[in-house]
Structures are given as C-alpha cells and as structure tokens.
Amino acid sequence: ITEPQQYTSLDEKQKIRHQHTVLLTPYLDYRQ
C-alpha cells in the first residue's frame, strides 16, 4: 500500500482509513 490517501478517512486527522474490509490504522500502541 503505497498510496493510503486512496483510502477513505474515518477521522478528521486521517489516522484511520478504510476501503471495503481493509482498515489502515496506527500501530497498536496507546500513544498512536
């Protein structure tokens, strides 16, 4: 995945993006 901007953002800061059943999220750490 080289162009995450092609995924739709779920939040205003664009930390979580989705396309169909794929979610691009931050690493699993509470700071992120």
PDB file of all heavy atoms in Angstrom:
ATOM      1  N   ILE A   1       0.863  -1.184   0.000  1.00  0.00           N
ATOM      2  CA  ILE A   1       0.000   0.000   0.000  1.00  0.00           C
ATOM      3  C   ILE A   1       0.898   1.232   0.000  1.00  0.00           C
ATOM      4  O   ILE A   1       1.487   1.595   1.010  1.00  0.00           O
ATOM      5  CB  ILE A   1      -0.971  -0.021   1.193  1.00  0.00           C
ATOM      6  CG1 ILE A   1      -1.886  -1.211   1.039  1.00  0.00           C
ATOM      7  CG2 ILE A   1      -1.764   1.285   1.268  1.00  0.00           C
ATOM      8  CD1 ILE A   1      -2.779  -1.494   2.193  1.00  0.00           C
ATOM      9  N   THR A   2       1.010   1.825  -1.173  1.00  0.00           N
ATOM     10  CA  THR A   2       1.907   2.967  -1.345  1.00  0.00           C
ATOM     11  C   THR A   2       1.160   4.293  -1.392  1.00  0.00           C
ATOM     12  O   THR A   2       1.777   5.345  -1.265  1.00  0.00           O
ATOM     13  CB  THR A   2       2.737   2.807  -2.629  1.00  0.00           C
ATOM     14  OG1 THR A   2       1.837   2.650  -3.732  1.00  0.00           O
ATOM     15  CG2 THR A   2       3.655   1.586  -2.537  1.00  0.00           C
ATOM     16  N   GLU A   3      -0.150   4.225  -1.574  1.00  0.00           N
ATOM     17  CA  GLU A   3      -0.946   5.450  -1.640  1.00  0.00           C
ATOM     18  C   GLU A   3      -2.156   5.353  -0.701  1.00  0.00           C
ATOM     19  O   GLU A   3      -3.291   5.163  -1.143  1.00  0.00           O
ATOM     20  CB  GLU A   3      -1.391   5.704  -3.081  1.00  0.00           C
ATOM     21  CG  GLU A   3      -0.216   5.924  -4.012  1.00  0.00           C
ATOM     22  CD  GLU A   3      -0.642   6.295  -5.419  1.00  0.00           C
ATOM     23  OE1 GLU A   3      -1.652   7.004  -5.571  1.00  0.00           O
ATOM     24  OE2 GLU A   3       0.050   5.860  -6.345  1.00  0.00           O
ATOM     25  N   PRO A   4      -1.917   5.488   0.606  1.00  0.00           N
ATOM     26  CA  PRO A   4      -3.030   5.366   1.560  1.00  0.00           C
ATOM     27  C   PRO A   4      -4.092   6.442   1.376  1.00  0.00           C
ATOM     28  O   PRO A   4      -5.232   6.253   1.804  1.00  0.00           O
ATOM     29  CB  PRO A   4      -2.347   5.480   2.925  1.00  0.00           C
ATOM     30  CG  PRO A   4      -1.014   6.071   2.669  1.00  0.00           C
ATOM     31  CD  PRO A   4      -0.646   5.736   1.266  1.00  0.00           C
ATOM     32  N   GLN A   5      -3.740   7.556   0.724  1.00  0.00           N
ATOM     33  CA  GLN A   5      -4.728   8.601   0.507  1.00  0.00           C
ATOM     34  C   GLN A   5      -5.859   8.137  -0.412  1.00  0.00           C
ATOM     35  O   GLN A   5      -6.897   8.790  -0.484  1.00  0.00           O
ATOM     36  CB  GLN A   5      -4.074   9.891  -0.016  1.00  0.00           C
ATOM     37  CG  GLN A   5      -3.397   9.771  -1.358  1.00  0.00           C
ATOM     38  CD  GLN A   5      -1.958   9.282  -1.304  1.00  0.00           C
ATOM     39  OE1 GLN A   5      -1.521   8.726  -0.302  1.00  0.00           O
ATOM     40  NE2 GLN A   5      -1.229   9.467  -2.393  1.00  0.00           N
ATOM     41  N   GLN A   6      -5.695   7.004  -1.087  1.00  0.00           N
ATOM     42  CA  GLN A   6      -6.772   6.446  -1.901  1.00  0.00           C
ATOM     43  C   GLN A   6      -7.839   5.775  -1.029  1.00  0.00           C
ATOM     44  O   GLN A   6      -8.894   5.402  -1.520  1.00  0.00           O
ATOM     45  CB  GLN A   6      -6.226   5.454  -2.920  1.00  0.00           C
ATOM     46  CG  GLN A   6      -5.384   6.123  -3.982  1.00  0.00           C
ATOM     47  CD  GLN A   6      -4.884   5.139  -5.021  1.00  0.00           C
ATOM     48  OE1 GLN A   6      -4.985   3.939  -4.876  1.00  0.00           O
ATOM     49  NE2 GLN A   6      -4.342   5.677  -6.105  1.00  0.00           N
ATOM     50  N   TYR A   7      -7.533   5.608   0.245  1.00  0.00           N
ATOM     51  CA  TYR A   7      -8.478   5.025   1.194  1.00  0.00           C
ATOM     52  C   TYR A   7      -9.262   6.173   1.836  1.00  0.00           C
ATOM     53  O   TYR A   7      -8.727   7.258   2.034  1.00  0.00           O
ATOM     54  CB  TYR A   7      -7.737   4.230   2.273  1.00  0.00           C
ATOM     55  CG  TYR A   7      -7.205   2.896   1.787  1.00  0.00           C
ATOM     56  CD1 TYR A   7      -6.218   2.821   0.813  1.00  0.00           C
ATOM     57  CD2 TYR A   7      -7.702   1.709   2.313  1.00  0.00           C
ATOM     58  CE1 TYR A   7      -5.733   1.606   0.367  1.00  0.00           C
ATOM     59  CE2 TYR A   7      -7.220   0.484   1.884  1.00  0.00           C
ATOM     60  CZ  TYR A   7      -6.241   0.440   0.905  1.00  0.00           C
ATOM     61  OH  TYR A   7      -5.779  -0.767   0.469  1.00  0.00           O
ATOM     62  N   THR A   8     -10.503   5.914   2.216  1.00  0.00           N
ATOM     63  CA  THR A   8     -11.364   6.924   2.823  1.00  0.00           C
ATOM     64  C   THR A   8     -11.041   7.066   4.303  1.00  0.00           C
ATOM     65  O   THR A   8     -10.938   6.071   5.021  1.00  0.00           O
ATOM     66  CB  THR A   8     -12.846   6.525   2.659  1.00  0.00           C
ATOM     67  OG1 THR A   8     -13.101   6.324   1.273  1.00  0.00           O
ATOM     68  CG2 THR A   8     -13.775   7.590   3.209  1.00  0.00           C
ATOM     69  N   SER A   9     -10.906   8.287   4.770  1.00  0.00           N
ATOM     70  CA  SER A   9     -10.581   8.546   6.169  1.00  0.00           C
ATOM     71  C   SER A   9     -11.823   8.404   7.048  1.00  0.00           C
ATOM     72  O   SER A   9     -12.911   8.842   6.680  1.00  0.00           O
ATOM     73  CB  SER A   9     -10.005   9.957   6.312  1.00  0.00           C
ATOM     74  OG  SER A   9      -9.660  10.184   7.651  1.00  0.00           O
ATOM     75  N   LEU A  10     -11.641   7.807   8.226  1.00  0.00           N
ATOM     76  CA  LEU A  10     -12.726   7.696   9.202  1.00  0.00           C
ATOM     77  C   LEU A  10     -12.719   8.844  10.201  1.00  0.00           C
ATOM     78  O   LEU A  10     -13.705   9.086  10.877  1.00  0.00           O
ATOM     79  CB  LEU A  10     -12.620   6.383   9.998  1.00  0.00           C
ATOM     80  CG  LEU A  10     -12.940   5.085   9.282  1.00  0.00           C
ATOM     81  CD1 LEU A  10     -12.831   3.924  10.258  1.00  0.00           C
ATOM     82  CD2 LEU A  10     -14.319   5.127   8.669  1.00  0.00           C
ATOM     83  N   ASP A  11     -11.594   9.531  10.325  1.00  0.00           N
ATOM     84  CA  ASP A  11     -11.469  10.605  11.310  1.00  0.00           C
ATOM     85  C   ASP A  11     -10.848  11.836  10.664  1.00  0.00           C
ATOM     86  O   ASP A  11     -10.204  11.743   9.625  1.00  0.00           O
ATOM     87  CB  ASP A  11     -10.643  10.139  12.511  1.00  0.00           C
ATOM     88  CG  ASP A  11      -9.224   9.781  12.125  1.00  0.00           C
ATOM     89  OD1 ASP A  11      -9.047   8.973  11.188  1.00  0.00           O
ATOM     90  OD2 ASP A  11      -8.279  10.312  12.731  1.00  0.00           O
ATOM     91  N   GLU A  12     -11.032  12.968  11.283  1.00  0.00           N
ATOM     92  CA  GLU A  12     -10.552  14.222  10.691  1.00  0.00           C
ATOM     93  C   GLU A  12      -9.030  14.315  10.628  1.00  0.00           C
ATOM     94  O   GLU A  12      -8.489  15.018   9.789  1.00  0.00           O
ATOM     95  CB  GLU A  12     -11.150  15.429  11.409  1.00  0.00           C
ATOM     96  CG  GLU A  12     -10.823  15.514  12.885  1.00  0.00           C
ATOM     97  CD  GLU A  12     -11.573  16.629  13.587  1.00  0.00           C
ATOM     98  OE1 GLU A  12     -12.787  16.781  13.344  1.00  0.00           O
ATOM     99  OE2 GLU A  12     -10.921  17.334  14.367  1.00  0.00           O
ATOM    100  N   LYS A  13      -8.334  13.612  11.512  1.00  0.00           N
ATOM    101  CA  LYS A  13      -6.864  13.630  11.473  1.00  0.00           C
ATOM    102  C   LYS A  13      -6.298  12.558  10.536  1.00  0.00           C
ATOM    103  O   LYS A  13      -5.091  12.408  10.423  1.00  0.00           O
ATOM    104  CB  LYS A  13      -6.294  13.454  12.878  1.00  0.00           C
ATOM    105  CG  LYS A  13      -6.573  14.651  13.777  1.00  0.00           C
ATOM    106  CD  LYS A  13      -5.890  14.495  15.113  1.00  0.00           C
ATOM    107  CE  LYS A  13      -6.146  15.724  15.967  1.00  0.00           C
ATOM    108  NZ  LYS A  13      -5.522  15.612  17.278  1.00  0.00           N
ATOM    109  N   GLN A  14      -7.180  11.790   9.916  1.00  0.00           N
ATOM    110  CA  GLN A  14      -6.833  10.760   8.939  1.00  0.00           C
ATOM    111  C   GLN A  14      -5.898   9.691   9.508  1.00  0.00           C
ATOM    112  O   GLN A  14      -5.009   9.198   8.834  1.00  0.00           O
ATOM    113  CB  GLN A  14      -6.241  11.405   7.681  1.00  0.00           C
ATOM    114  CG  GLN A  14      -7.197  12.382   7.055  1.00  0.00           C
ATOM    115  CD  GLN A  14      -6.648  13.044   5.809  1.00  0.00           C
ATOM    116  OE1 GLN A  14      -5.523  12.808   5.390  1.00  0.00           O
ATOM    117  NE2 GLN A  14      -7.463  13.885   5.196  1.00  0.00           N
ATOM    118  N   LYS A  15      -6.128   9.342  10.760  1.00  0.00           N
ATOM    119  CA  LYS A  15      -5.322   8.302  11.392  1.00  0.00           C
ATOM    120  C   LYS A  15      -5.817   6.905  11.025  1.00  0.00           C
ATOM    121  O   LYS A  15      -5.049   5.958  11.044  1.00  0.00           O
ATOM    122  CB  LYS A  15      -5.314   8.472  12.903  1.00  0.00           C
ATOM    123  CG  LYS A  15      -4.545   9.710  13.338  1.00  0.00           C
ATOM    124  CD  LYS A  15      -4.334   9.713  14.819  1.00  0.00           C
ATOM    125  CE  LYS A  15      -3.508  10.900  15.226  1.00  0.00           C
ATOM    126  NZ  LYS A  15      -2.140  10.556  15.494  1.00  0.00           N
ATOM    127  N   ILE A  16      -7.118   6.793  10.715  1.00  0.00           N
ATOM    128  CA  ILE A  16      -7.687   5.515  10.291  1.00  0.00           C
ATOM    129  C   ILE A  16      -8.344   5.721   8.931  1.00  0.00           C
ATOM    130  O   ILE A  16      -9.161   6.619   8.754  1.00  0.00           O
ATOM    131  CB  ILE A  16      -8.724   4.983  11.300  1.00  0.00           C
ATOM    132  CG1 ILE A  16      -8.061   4.759  12.661  1.00  0.00           C
ATOM    133  CG2 ILE A  16      -9.354   3.684  10.784  1.00  0.00           C
ATOM    134  CD1 ILE A  16      -9.006   4.294  13.739  1.00  0.00           C
ATOM    135  N   ARG A  17      -7.951   4.872   8.000  1.00  0.00           N
ATOM    136  CA  ARG A  17      -8.512   4.932   6.646  1.00  0.00           C
ATOM    137  C   ARG A  17      -9.073   3.558   6.313  1.00  0.00           C
ATOM    138  O   ARG A  17      -8.610   2.554   6.845  1.00  0.00           O
ATOM    139  CB  ARG A  17      -7.430   5.319   5.640  1.00  0.00           C
ATOM    140  CG  ARG A  17      -6.900   6.729   5.861  1.00  0.00           C
ATOM    141  CD  ARG A  17      -5.753   7.016   4.897  1.00  0.00           C
ATOM    142  NE  ARG A  17      -5.361   8.394   4.950  1.00  0.00           N
ATOM    143  CZ  ARG A  17      -5.843   9.352   4.152  1.00  0.00           C
ATOM    144  NH1 ARG A  17      -6.753   9.057   3.259  1.00  0.00           N
ATOM    145  NH2 ARG A  17      -5.408  10.585   4.261  1.00  0.00           N
ATOM    146  N   HIS A  18     -10.074   3.532   5.430  1.00  0.00           N
ATOM    147  CA  HIS A  18     -10.660   2.244   5.076  1.00  0.00           C
ATOM    148  C   HIS A  18     -10.998   2.167   3.599  1.00  0.00           C
ATOM    149  O   HIS A  18     -11.155   3.180   2.912  1.00  0.00           O
ATOM    150  CB  HIS A  18     -11.921   1.980   5.914  1.00  0.00           C
ATOM    151  CG  HIS A  18     -13.106   2.772   5.435  1.00  0.00           C
ATOM    152  ND1 HIS A  18     -14.053   2.249   4.576  1.00  0.00           N
ATOM    153  CD2 HIS A  18     -13.481   4.037   5.672  1.00  0.00           C
ATOM    154  CE1 HIS A  18     -14.965   3.175   4.328  1.00  0.00           C
ATOM    155  NE2 HIS A  18     -14.635   4.274   4.980  1.00  0.00           N
ATOM    156  N   GLN A  19     -11.075   0.930   3.139  1.00  0.00           N
ATOM    157  CA  GLN A  19     -11.551   0.613   1.805  1.00  0.00           C
ATOM    158  C   GLN A  19     -12.105  -0.809   1.896  1.00  0.00           C
ATOM    159  O   GLN A  19     -11.362  -1.745   2.212  1.00  0.00           O
ATOM    160  CB  GLN A  19     -10.402   0.690   0.797  1.00  0.00           C
ATOM    161  CG  GLN A  19     -10.839   0.565  -0.643  1.00  0.00           C
ATOM    162  CD  GLN A  19      -9.648   0.759  -1.561  1.00  0.00           C
ATOM    163  OE1 GLN A  19      -8.940  -0.196  -1.824  1.00  0.00           O
ATOM    164  NE2 GLN A  19      -9.431   1.991  -2.014  1.00  0.00           N
ATOM    165  N   HIS A  20     -13.389  -0.936   1.686  1.00  0.00           N
ATOM    166  CA  HIS A  20     -14.082  -2.225   1.831  1.00  0.00           C
ATOM    167  C   HIS A  20     -13.832  -2.776   3.236  1.00  0.00           C
ATOM    168  O   HIS A  20     -14.191  -2.139   4.202  1.00  0.00           O
ATOM    169  CB  HIS A  20     -13.683  -3.189   0.719  1.00  0.00           C
ATOM    170  CG  HIS A  20     -13.831  -2.610  -0.651  1.00  0.00           C
ATOM    171  ND1 HIS A  20     -15.063  -2.322  -1.198  1.00  0.00           N
ATOM    172  CD2 HIS A  20     -12.908  -2.223  -1.555  1.00  0.00           C
ATOM    173  CE1 HIS A  20     -14.892  -1.794  -2.398  1.00  0.00           C
ATOM    174  NE2 HIS A  20     -13.603  -1.714  -2.643  1.00  0.00           N
ATOM    175  N   THR A  21     -13.172  -3.940   3.348  1.00  0.00           N
ATOM    176  CA  THR A  21     -12.932  -4.538   4.669  1.00  0.00           C
ATOM    177  C   THR A  21     -11.487  -4.355   5.140  1.00  0.00           C
ATOM    178  O   THR A  21     -11.029  -5.065   6.028  1.00  0.00           O
ATOM    179  CB  THR A  21     -13.282  -6.046   4.654  1.00  0.00           C
ATOM    180  OG1 THR A  21     -12.459  -6.696   3.677  1.00  0.00           O
ATOM    181  CG2 THR A  21     -14.748  -6.272   4.349  1.00  0.00           C
ATOM    182  N   VAL A  22     -10.799  -3.404   4.559  1.00  0.00           N
ATOM    183  CA  VAL A  22      -9.413  -3.133   4.946  1.00  0.00           C
ATOM    184  C   VAL A  22      -9.359  -1.814   5.701  1.00  0.00           C
ATOM    185  O   VAL A  22      -9.888  -0.802   5.247  1.00  0.00           O
ATOM    186  CB  VAL A  22      -8.489  -3.066   3.710  1.00  0.00           C
ATOM    187  CG1 VAL A  22      -7.062  -2.723   4.121  1.00  0.00           C
ATOM    188  CG2 VAL A  22      -8.520  -4.383   2.949  1.00  0.00           C
ATOM    189  N   LEU A  23      -8.721  -1.852   6.875  1.00  0.00           N
ATOM    190  CA  LEU A  23      -8.515  -0.649   7.680  1.00  0.00           C
ATOM    191  C   LEU A  23      -7.015  -0.406   7.832  1.00  0.00           C
ATOM    192  O   LEU A  23      -6.278  -1.306   8.226  1.00  0.00           O
ATOM    193  CB  LEU A  23      -9.143  -0.807   9.070  1.00  0.00           C
ATOM    194  CG  LEU A  23     -10.660  -0.878   9.119  1.00  0.00           C
ATOM    195  CD1 LEU A  23     -11.128  -1.340  10.491  1.00  0.00           C
ATOM    196  CD2 LEU A  23     -11.250   0.471   8.800  1.00  0.00           C
ATOM    197  N   LEU A  24      -6.600   0.800   7.493  1.00  0.00           N
ATOM    198  CA  LEU A  24      -5.227   1.217   7.727  1.00  0.00           C
ATOM    199  C   LEU A  24      -5.239   1.989   9.036  1.00  0.00           C
ATOM    200  O   LEU A  24      -5.908   3.020   9.148  1.00  0.00           O
ATOM    201  CB  LEU A  24      -4.731   2.115   6.592  1.00  0.00           C
ATOM    202  CG  LEU A  24      -4.886   1.585   5.166  1.00  0.00           C
ATOM    203  CD1 LEU A  24      -4.359   2.594   4.157  1.00  0.00           C
ATOM    204  CD2 LEU A  24      -4.200   0.240   5.007  1.00  0.00           C
ATOM    205  N   THR A  25      -4.541   1.479  10.030  1.00  0.00           N
ATOM    206  CA  THR A  25      -4.586   2.081  11.368  1.00  0.00           C
ATOM    207  C   THR A  25      -3.181   2.402  11.852  1.00  0.00           C
ATOM    208  O   THR A  25      -2.192   1.920  11.286  1.00  0.00           O
ATOM    209  CB  THR A  25      -5.241   1.119  12.386  1.00  0.00           C
ATOM    210  OG1 THR A  25      -4.341   0.021  12.635  1.00  0.00           O
ATOM    211  CG2 THR A  25      -6.590   0.613  11.903  1.00  0.00           C
ATOM    212  N   PRO A  26      -3.105   3.168  12.923  1.00  0.00           N
ATOM    213  CA  PRO A  26      -1.793   3.343  13.558  1.00  0.00           C
ATOM    214  C   PRO A  26      -1.325   2.003  14.143  1.00  0.00           C
ATOM    215  O   PRO A  26      -2.107   1.057  14.290  1.00  0.00           O
ATOM    216  CB  PRO A  26      -2.071   4.335  14.687  1.00  0.00           C
ATOM    217  CG  PRO A  26      -3.373   4.963  14.376  1.00  0.00           C
ATOM    218  CD  PRO A  26      -4.139   3.950  13.582  1.00  0.00           C
ATOM    219  N   TYR A  27      -0.051   1.958  14.503  1.00  0.00           N
ATOM    220  CA  TYR A  27       0.488   0.801  15.201  1.00  0.00           C
ATOM    221  C   TYR A  27      -0.263   0.624  16.518  1.00  0.00           C
ATOM    222  O   TYR A  27      -0.772   1.594  17.087  1.00  0.00           O
ATOM    223  CB  TYR A  27       1.991   1.009  15.459  1.00  0.00           C
ATOM    224  CG  TYR A  27       2.655  -0.198  16.037  1.00  0.00           C
ATOM    225  CD1 TYR A  27       2.944  -1.300  15.245  1.00  0.00           C
ATOM    226  CD2 TYR A  27       2.976  -0.247  17.387  1.00  0.00           C
ATOM    227  CE1 TYR A  27       3.545  -2.427  15.780  1.00  0.00           C
ATOM    228  CE2 TYR A  27       3.589  -1.367  17.931  1.00  0.00           C
ATOM    229  CZ  TYR A  27       3.865  -2.457  17.117  1.00  0.00           C
ATOM    230  OH  TYR A  27       4.444  -3.570  17.656  1.00  0.00           O
ATOM    231  N   LEU A  28      -0.344  -0.605  17.014  1.00  0.00           N
ATOM    232  CA  LEU A  28      -1.125  -0.888  18.227  1.00  0.00           C
ATOM    233  C   LEU A  28      -0.387  -0.462  19.492  1.00  0.00           C
ATOM    234  O   LEU A  28       0.156  -1.274  20.236  1.00  0.00           O
ATOM    235  CB  LEU A  28      -1.489  -2.377  18.290  1.00  0.00           C
ATOM    236  CG  LEU A  28      -2.290  -2.916  17.114  1.00  0.00           C
ATOM    237  CD1 LEU A  28      -2.676  -4.368  17.350  1.00  0.00           C
ATOM    238  CD2 LEU A  28      -3.511  -2.075  16.842  1.00  0.00           C
ATOM    239  N   ASP A  29      -0.384   0.831  19.718  1.00  0.00           N
ATOM    240  CA  ASP A  29       0.216   1.428  20.896  1.00  0.00           C
ATOM    241  C   ASP A  29      -0.688   2.593  21.299  1.00  0.00           C
ATOM    242  O   ASP A  29      -1.143   3.336  20.428  1.00  0.00           O
ATOM    243  CB  ASP A  29       1.627   1.929  20.548  1.00  0.00           C
ATOM    244  CG  ASP A  29       2.310   2.559  21.739  1.00  0.00           C
ATOM    245  OD1 ASP A  29       1.997   3.729  22.039  1.00  0.00           O
ATOM    246  OD2 ASP A  29       3.140   1.891  22.364  1.00  0.00           O
ATOM    247  N   TYR A  30      -0.951   2.763  22.582  1.00  0.00           N
ATOM    248  CA  TYR A  30      -1.895   3.793  23.033  1.00  0.00           C
ATOM    249  C   TYR A  30      -1.479   5.213  22.662  1.00  0.00           C
ATOM    250  O   TYR A  30      -2.323   6.082  22.522  1.00  0.00           O
ATOM    251  CB  TYR A  30      -2.133   3.702  24.544  1.00  0.00           C
ATOM    252  CG  TYR A  30      -3.040   2.567  24.911  1.00  0.00           C
ATOM    253  CD1 TYR A  30      -2.580   1.506  25.666  1.00  0.00           C
ATOM    254  CD2 TYR A  30      -4.365   2.542  24.484  1.00  0.00           C
ATOM    255  CE1 TYR A  30      -3.405   0.450  25.997  1.00  0.00           C
ATOM    256  CE2 TYR A  30      -5.205   1.494  24.798  1.00  0.00           C
ATOM    257  CZ  TYR A  30      -4.722   0.451  25.561  1.00  0.00           C
ATOM    258  OH  TYR A  30      -5.552  -0.586  25.872  1.00  0.00           O
ATOM    259  N   ARG A  31      -0.195   5.466  22.483  1.00  0.00           N
ATOM    260  CA  ARG A  31       0.224   6.809  22.075  1.00  0.00           C
ATOM    261  C   ARG A  31      -0.237   7.108  20.651  1.00  0.00           C
ATOM    262  O   ARG A  31      -0.490   8.253  20.301  1.00  0.00           O
ATOM    263  CB  ARG A  31       1.740   6.954  22.182  1.00  0.00           C
ATOM    264  CG  ARG A  31       2.227   6.951  23.631  1.00  0.00           C
ATOM    265  CD  ARG A  31       3.717   6.872  23.665  1.00  0.00           C
ATOM    266  NE  ARG A  31       4.077   5.505  23.216  1.00  0.00           N
ATOM    267  CZ  ARG A  31       5.269   4.984  23.267  1.00  0.00           C
ATOM    268  NH1 ARG A  31       6.273   5.695  23.711  1.00  0.00           N
ATOM    269  NH2 ARG A  31       5.508   3.757  22.860  1.00  0.00           N
ATOM    270  N   GLN A  32      -0.330   6.066  19.838  1.00  0.00           N
ATOM    271  CA  GLN A  32      -0.751   6.244  18.444  1.00  0.00           C
ATOM    272  C   GLN A  32      -2.215   5.865  18.229  1.00  0.00           C
ATOM    273  O   GLN A  32      -2.895   6.452  17.399  1.00  0.00           O
ATOM    274  CB  GLN A  32       0.130   5.383  17.530  1.00  0.00           C
ATOM    275  CG  GLN A  32       1.586   5.755  17.577  1.00  0.00           C
ATOM    276  CD  GLN A  32       2.418   4.806  16.750  1.00  0.00           C
ATOM    277  OE1 GLN A  32       2.133   4.591  15.580  1.00  0.00           O
ATOM    278  NE2 GLN A  32       3.445   4.230  17.357  1.00  0.00           N
TER     279      GLN A  32
END
